[in-house]
Amino acid sequence: MTEIILSHANMRVPRYTSYPPATAFGASPDETRYRNWLSDLDPALAAAIYIHVPFCREGINNIMCVMRADLGQIIQKHGFHKSVLDKEIIACRKYESDGLVAVNGRQLRIYEQGRPALRSIASCFEAYLDPEKSRHALAV
């Protein structure tokens, strides 16, 4: 099993950090606050914009915290078409073939031996992730 985990450990995944940090956001948008945050950034530095979709956060949180996610329920709750995460579910299949996760329709369950690969599994739901680029931290 160690060899399987190590095969996924060299994958580059996001660190789940942001600026401003998630704790700075409120329930409703505040244009003035956002403009102030953006004006604090150095325009000479490169930046990425990530638009957050609620079901991705909920799915990633469930995977990272409780090692399972009912993606069908999450998609339905947020009013999206049932096929919206098909590509991501297919991406999780590589972990299933390694015995780290069970994929049953739209339900994911991470086995205990898959715990060290949680960040890699959750990264299947990061639409902006380019595993070929090394701008992310190592998974393990």
C-alpha atoms as a PDB file:
ATOM      1  CA  MET A   1       0.000   0.000   0.000  1.00  0.00           C
ATOM      2  CA  THR A   2       2.899   2.371   0.718  1.00  0.00           C
ATOM      3  CA  GLU A   3       3.966   2.202  -2.932  1.00  0.00           C
ATOM      4  CA  ILE A   4       0.464   3.201  -4.061  1.00  0.00           C
ATOM      5  CA  ILE A   5       0.376   6.177  -1.693  1.00  0.00           C
ATOM      6  CA  LEU A   6       3.842   7.244  -2.833  1.00  0.00           C
ATOM      7  CA  SER A   7       2.745   7.102  -6.467  1.00  0.00           C
ATOM      8  CA  HIS A   8       0.196   9.818  -5.669  1.00  0.00           C
ATOM      9  CA  ALA A   9       2.446  11.786  -3.296  1.00  0.00           C
ATOM     10  CA  ASN A  10       4.450  13.483  -6.026  1.00  0.00           C
ATOM     11  CA  MET A  11       1.313  15.097  -7.471  1.00  0.00           C
ATOM     12  CA  ARG A  12       1.120  18.870  -7.227  1.00  0.00           C
ATOM     13  CA  VAL A  13      -2.044  20.045  -5.472  1.00  0.00           C
ATOM     14  CA  PRO A  14      -3.343  23.398  -4.180  1.00  0.00           C
ATOM     15  CA  ARG A  15      -2.535  24.440  -0.641  1.00  0.00           C
ATOM     16  CA  TYR A  16      -6.091  25.689  -0.075  1.00  0.00           C
ATOM     17  CA  THR A  17      -4.943  29.163   0.830  1.00  0.00           C
ATOM     18  CA  SER A  18      -6.278  32.422  -0.471  1.00  0.00           C
ATOM     19  CA  TYR A  19      -5.930  36.153  -0.193  1.00  0.00           C
ATOM     20  CA  PRO A  20      -7.753  37.531   1.519  1.00  0.00           C
ATOM     21  CA  PRO A  21      -8.239  34.497   3.771  1.00  0.00           C
ATOM     22  CA  ALA A  22     -11.657  32.856   3.893  1.00  0.00           C
ATOM     23  CA  THR A  23     -12.226  34.254   7.393  1.00  0.00           C
ATOM     24  CA  ALA A  24     -12.322  37.779   5.914  1.00  0.00           C
ATOM     25  CA  PHE A  25     -15.413  37.083   3.794  1.00  0.00           C
ATOM     26  CA  GLY A  26     -18.939  37.758   4.945  1.00  0.00           C
ATOM     27  CA  ALA A  27     -22.360  36.497   3.954  1.00  0.00           C
ATOM     28  CA  SER A  28     -22.898  39.182   1.315  1.00  0.00           C
ATOM     29  CA  PRO A  29     -20.506  40.844  -1.148  1.00  0.00           C
ATOM     30  CA  ASP A  30     -19.115  44.236  -0.240  1.00  0.00           C
ATOM     31  CA  GLU A  31     -17.710  46.012  -3.313  1.00  0.00           C
ATOM     32  CA  THR A  32     -15.793  48.624  -1.299  1.00  0.00           C
ATOM     33  CA  ARG A  33     -14.082  45.978   0.816  1.00  0.00           C
ATOM     34  CA  TYR A  34     -13.107  43.951  -2.278  1.00  0.00           C
ATOM     35  CA  ARG A  35     -11.772  47.023  -4.065  1.00  0.00           C
ATOM     36  CA  ASN A  36      -9.625  47.841  -1.013  1.00  0.00           C
ATOM     37  CA  TRP A  37      -8.225  44.300  -0.903  1.00  0.00           C
ATOM     38  CA  LEU A  38      -7.379  44.421  -4.592  1.00  0.00           C
ATOM     39  CA  SER A  39      -5.737  47.836  -4.299  1.00  0.00           C
ATOM     40  CA  ASP A  40      -3.410  46.406  -1.639  1.00  0.00           C
ATOM     41  CA  LEU A  41      -1.952  43.934  -4.153  1.00  0.00           C
ATOM     42  CA  ASP A  42       1.243  44.713  -6.027  1.00  0.00           C
ATOM     43  CA  PRO A  43       0.204  45.072  -9.689  1.00  0.00           C
ATOM     44  CA  ALA A  44       3.636  43.863 -10.791  1.00  0.00           C
ATOM     45  CA  LEU A  45       2.990  40.417  -9.278  1.00  0.00           C
ATOM     46  CA  ALA A  46       1.126  37.666 -11.122  1.00  0.00           C
ATOM     47  CA  ALA A  47      -2.252  36.742  -9.703  1.00  0.00           C
ATOM     48  CA  ALA A  48      -4.837  34.041 -10.324  1.00  0.00           C
ATOM     49  CA  ILE A  49      -8.552  34.556  -9.985  1.00  0.00           C
ATOM     50  CA  TYR A  50     -10.552  31.680  -8.625  1.00  0.00           C
ATOM     51  CA  ILE A  51     -14.330  31.884  -8.703  1.00  0.00           C
ATOM     52  CA  HIS A  52     -15.661  29.614  -6.026  1.00  0.00           C
ATOM     53  CA  VAL A  53     -18.662  27.406  -6.700  1.00  0.00           C
ATOM     54  CA  PRO A  54     -20.446  26.325  -3.477  1.00  0.00           C
ATOM     55  CA  PHE A  55     -20.800  22.647  -4.362  1.00  0.00           C
ATOM     56  CA  CYS A  56     -17.043  22.320  -4.923  1.00  0.00           C
ATOM     57  CA  ARG A  57     -16.323  23.695  -1.457  1.00  0.00           C
ATOM     58  CA  GLU A  58     -18.873  21.389   0.116  1.00  0.00           C
ATOM     59  CA  GLY A  59     -17.536  18.363  -1.772  1.00  0.00           C
ATOM     60  CA  ILE A  60     -13.920  19.141  -0.914  1.00  0.00           C
ATOM     61  CA  ASN A  61     -14.805  19.783   2.736  1.00  0.00           C
ATOM     62  CA  ASN A  62     -16.627  16.452   2.961  1.00  0.00           C
ATOM     63  CA  ILE A  63     -13.731  14.604   1.352  1.00  0.00           C
ATOM     64  CA  MET A  64     -11.103  16.271   3.546  1.00  0.00           C
ATOM     65  CA  CYS A  65     -13.064  16.180   6.828  1.00  0.00           C
ATOM     66  CA  VAL A  66     -15.316  13.118   6.830  1.00  0.00           C
ATOM     67  CA  MET A  67     -13.695  11.112   4.019  1.00  0.00           C
ATOM     68  CA  ARG A  68     -16.927  10.789   2.064  1.00  0.00           C
ATOM     69  CA  ALA A  69     -19.141  12.896  -0.162  1.00  0.00           C
ATOM     70  CA  ASP A  70     -22.562  12.405  -1.694  1.00  0.00           C
ATOM     71  CA  LEU A  71     -21.939  14.500  -4.792  1.00  0.00           C
ATOM     72  CA  GLY A  72     -25.397  13.821  -6.202  1.00  0.00           C
ATOM     73  CA  GLN A  73     -27.002  15.305  -3.097  1.00  0.00           C
ATOM     74  CA  ILE A  74     -24.656  18.307  -3.132  1.00  0.00           C
ATOM     75  CA  ILE A  75     -25.325  18.983  -6.830  1.00  0.00           C
ATOM     76  CA  GLN A  76     -29.091  18.732  -6.326  1.00  0.00           C
ATOM     77  CA  LYS A  77     -28.971  20.985  -3.258  1.00  0.00           C
ATOM     78  CA  HIS A  78     -27.322  23.747  -5.314  1.00  0.00           C
ATOM     79  CA  GLY A  79     -29.590  23.301  -8.348  1.00  0.00           C
ATOM     80  CA  PHE A  80     -26.998  22.134 -10.884  1.00  0.00           C
ATOM     81  CA  HIS A  81     -27.494  19.562 -13.644  1.00  0.00           C
ATOM     82  CA  LYS A  82     -26.685  16.038 -12.470  1.00  0.00           C
ATOM     83  CA  SER A  83     -23.825  15.688 -14.975  1.00  0.00           C
ATOM     84  CA  VAL A  84     -21.939  18.772 -13.754  1.00  0.00           C
ATOM     85  CA  LEU A  85     -19.237  16.757 -11.923  1.00  0.00           C
ATOM     86  CA  ASP A  86     -18.945  13.805 -14.321  1.00  0.00           C
ATOM     87  CA  LYS A  87     -15.364  14.708 -15.316  1.00  0.00           C
ATOM     88  CA  GLU A  88     -14.319  14.993 -11.658  1.00  0.00           C
ATOM     89  CA  ILE A  89     -15.920  11.672 -10.720  1.00  0.00           C
ATOM     90  CA  ILE A  90     -14.072  10.003 -13.599  1.00  0.00           C
ATOM     91  CA  ALA A  91     -10.828  11.547 -12.271  1.00  0.00           C
ATOM     92  CA  CYS A  92     -11.493   9.879  -8.893  1.00  0.00           C
ATOM     93  CA  ARG A  93     -11.540   6.464 -10.581  1.00  0.00           C
ATOM     94  CA  LYS A  94      -7.718   6.353 -10.645  1.00  0.00           C
ATOM     95  CA  TYR A  95      -7.787   6.330  -6.833  1.00  0.00           C
ATOM     96  CA  GLU A  96     -10.483   3.667  -6.845  1.00  0.00           C
ATOM     97  CA  SER A  97      -8.336   1.347  -8.961  1.00  0.00           C
ATOM     98  CA  ASP A  98      -5.590   1.782  -6.352  1.00  0.00           C
ATOM     99  CA  GLY A  99      -7.946   0.803  -3.512  1.00  0.00           C
ATOM    100  CA  LEU A 100      -7.959   4.268  -1.905  1.00  0.00           C
ATOM    101  CA  VAL A 101     -11.520   5.346  -2.652  1.00  0.00           C
ATOM    102  CA  ALA A 102     -14.880   3.769  -3.511  1.00  0.00           C
ATOM    103  CA  VAL A 103     -16.905   5.437  -6.248  1.00  0.00           C
ATOM    104  CA  ASN A 104     -20.533   4.344  -6.222  1.00  0.00           C
ATOM    105  CA  GLY A 105     -22.502   6.428  -8.702  1.00  0.00           C
ATOM    106  CA  ARG A 106     -22.154   9.957  -7.345  1.00  0.00           C
ATOM    107  CA  GLN A 107     -21.007   8.884  -3.886  1.00  0.00           C
ATOM    108  CA  LEU A 108     -17.369   8.849  -2.837  1.00  0.00           C
ATOM    109  CA  ARG A 109     -15.973   7.104   0.188  1.00  0.00           C
ATOM    110  CA  ILE A 110     -12.290   7.329   1.013  1.00  0.00           C
ATOM    111  CA  TYR A 111     -10.910   4.221   2.683  1.00  0.00           C
ATOM    112  CA  GLU A 112      -8.661   4.544   5.713  1.00  0.00           C
ATOM    113  CA  GLN A 113      -5.648   3.585   3.564  1.00  0.00           C
ATOM    114  CA  GLY A 114      -6.562   6.543   1.323  1.00  0.00           C
ATOM    115  CA  ARG A 115      -6.211   9.088   4.145  1.00  0.00           C
ATOM    116  CA  PRO A 116      -2.653  10.111   3.139  1.00  0.00           C
ATOM    117  CA  ALA A 117      -3.966  10.862  -0.373  1.00  0.00           C
ATOM    118  CA  LEU A 118      -6.886  13.085   0.717  1.00  0.00           C
ATOM    119  CA  ARG A 119      -5.407  16.257  -0.815  1.00  0.00           C
ATOM    120  CA  SER A 120      -4.774  14.461  -4.082  1.00  0.00           C
ATOM    121  CA  ILE A 121      -8.305  13.047  -4.169  1.00  0.00           C
ATOM    122  CA  ALA A 122      -9.844  16.429  -3.322  1.00  0.00           C
ATOM    123  CA  SER A 123      -7.778  18.020  -6.078  1.00  0.00           C
ATOM    124  CA  CYS A 124      -9.968  16.191  -8.632  1.00  0.00           C
ATOM    125  CA  PHE A 125     -12.526  18.923  -7.872  1.00  0.00           C
ATOM    126  CA  GLU A 126     -10.168  21.854  -8.461  1.00  0.00           C
ATOM    127  CA  ALA A 127     -11.079  23.014 -11.973  1.00  0.00           C
ATOM    128  CA  TYR A 128      -8.045  25.297 -12.263  1.00  0.00           C
ATOM    129  CA  LEU A 129      -5.475  22.691 -11.220  1.00  0.00           C
ATOM    130  CA  ASP A 130      -2.900  21.890 -13.870  1.00  0.00           C
ATOM    131  CA  PRO A 131      -0.934  18.894 -12.564  1.00  0.00           C
ATOM    132  CA  GLU A 132       1.749  19.497 -15.207  1.00  0.00           C
ATOM    133  CA  LYS A 133       2.723  22.825 -13.635  1.00  0.00           C
ATOM    134  CA  SER A 134       4.681  22.943 -10.407  1.00  0.00           C
ATOM    135  CA  ARG A 135       3.009  25.973  -8.824  1.00  0.00           C
ATOM    136  CA  HIS A 136       1.370  23.838  -6.160  1.00  0.00           C
ATOM    137  CA  ALA A 137       2.714  22.083  -3.076  1.00  0.00           C
ATOM    138  CA  LEU A 138       3.449  18.348  -3.070  1.00  0.00           C
ATOM    139  CA  ALA A 139       0.455  16.312  -1.929  1.00  0.00           C
ATOM    140  CA  VAL A 140       2.202  14.445   0.881  1.00  0.00           C
END
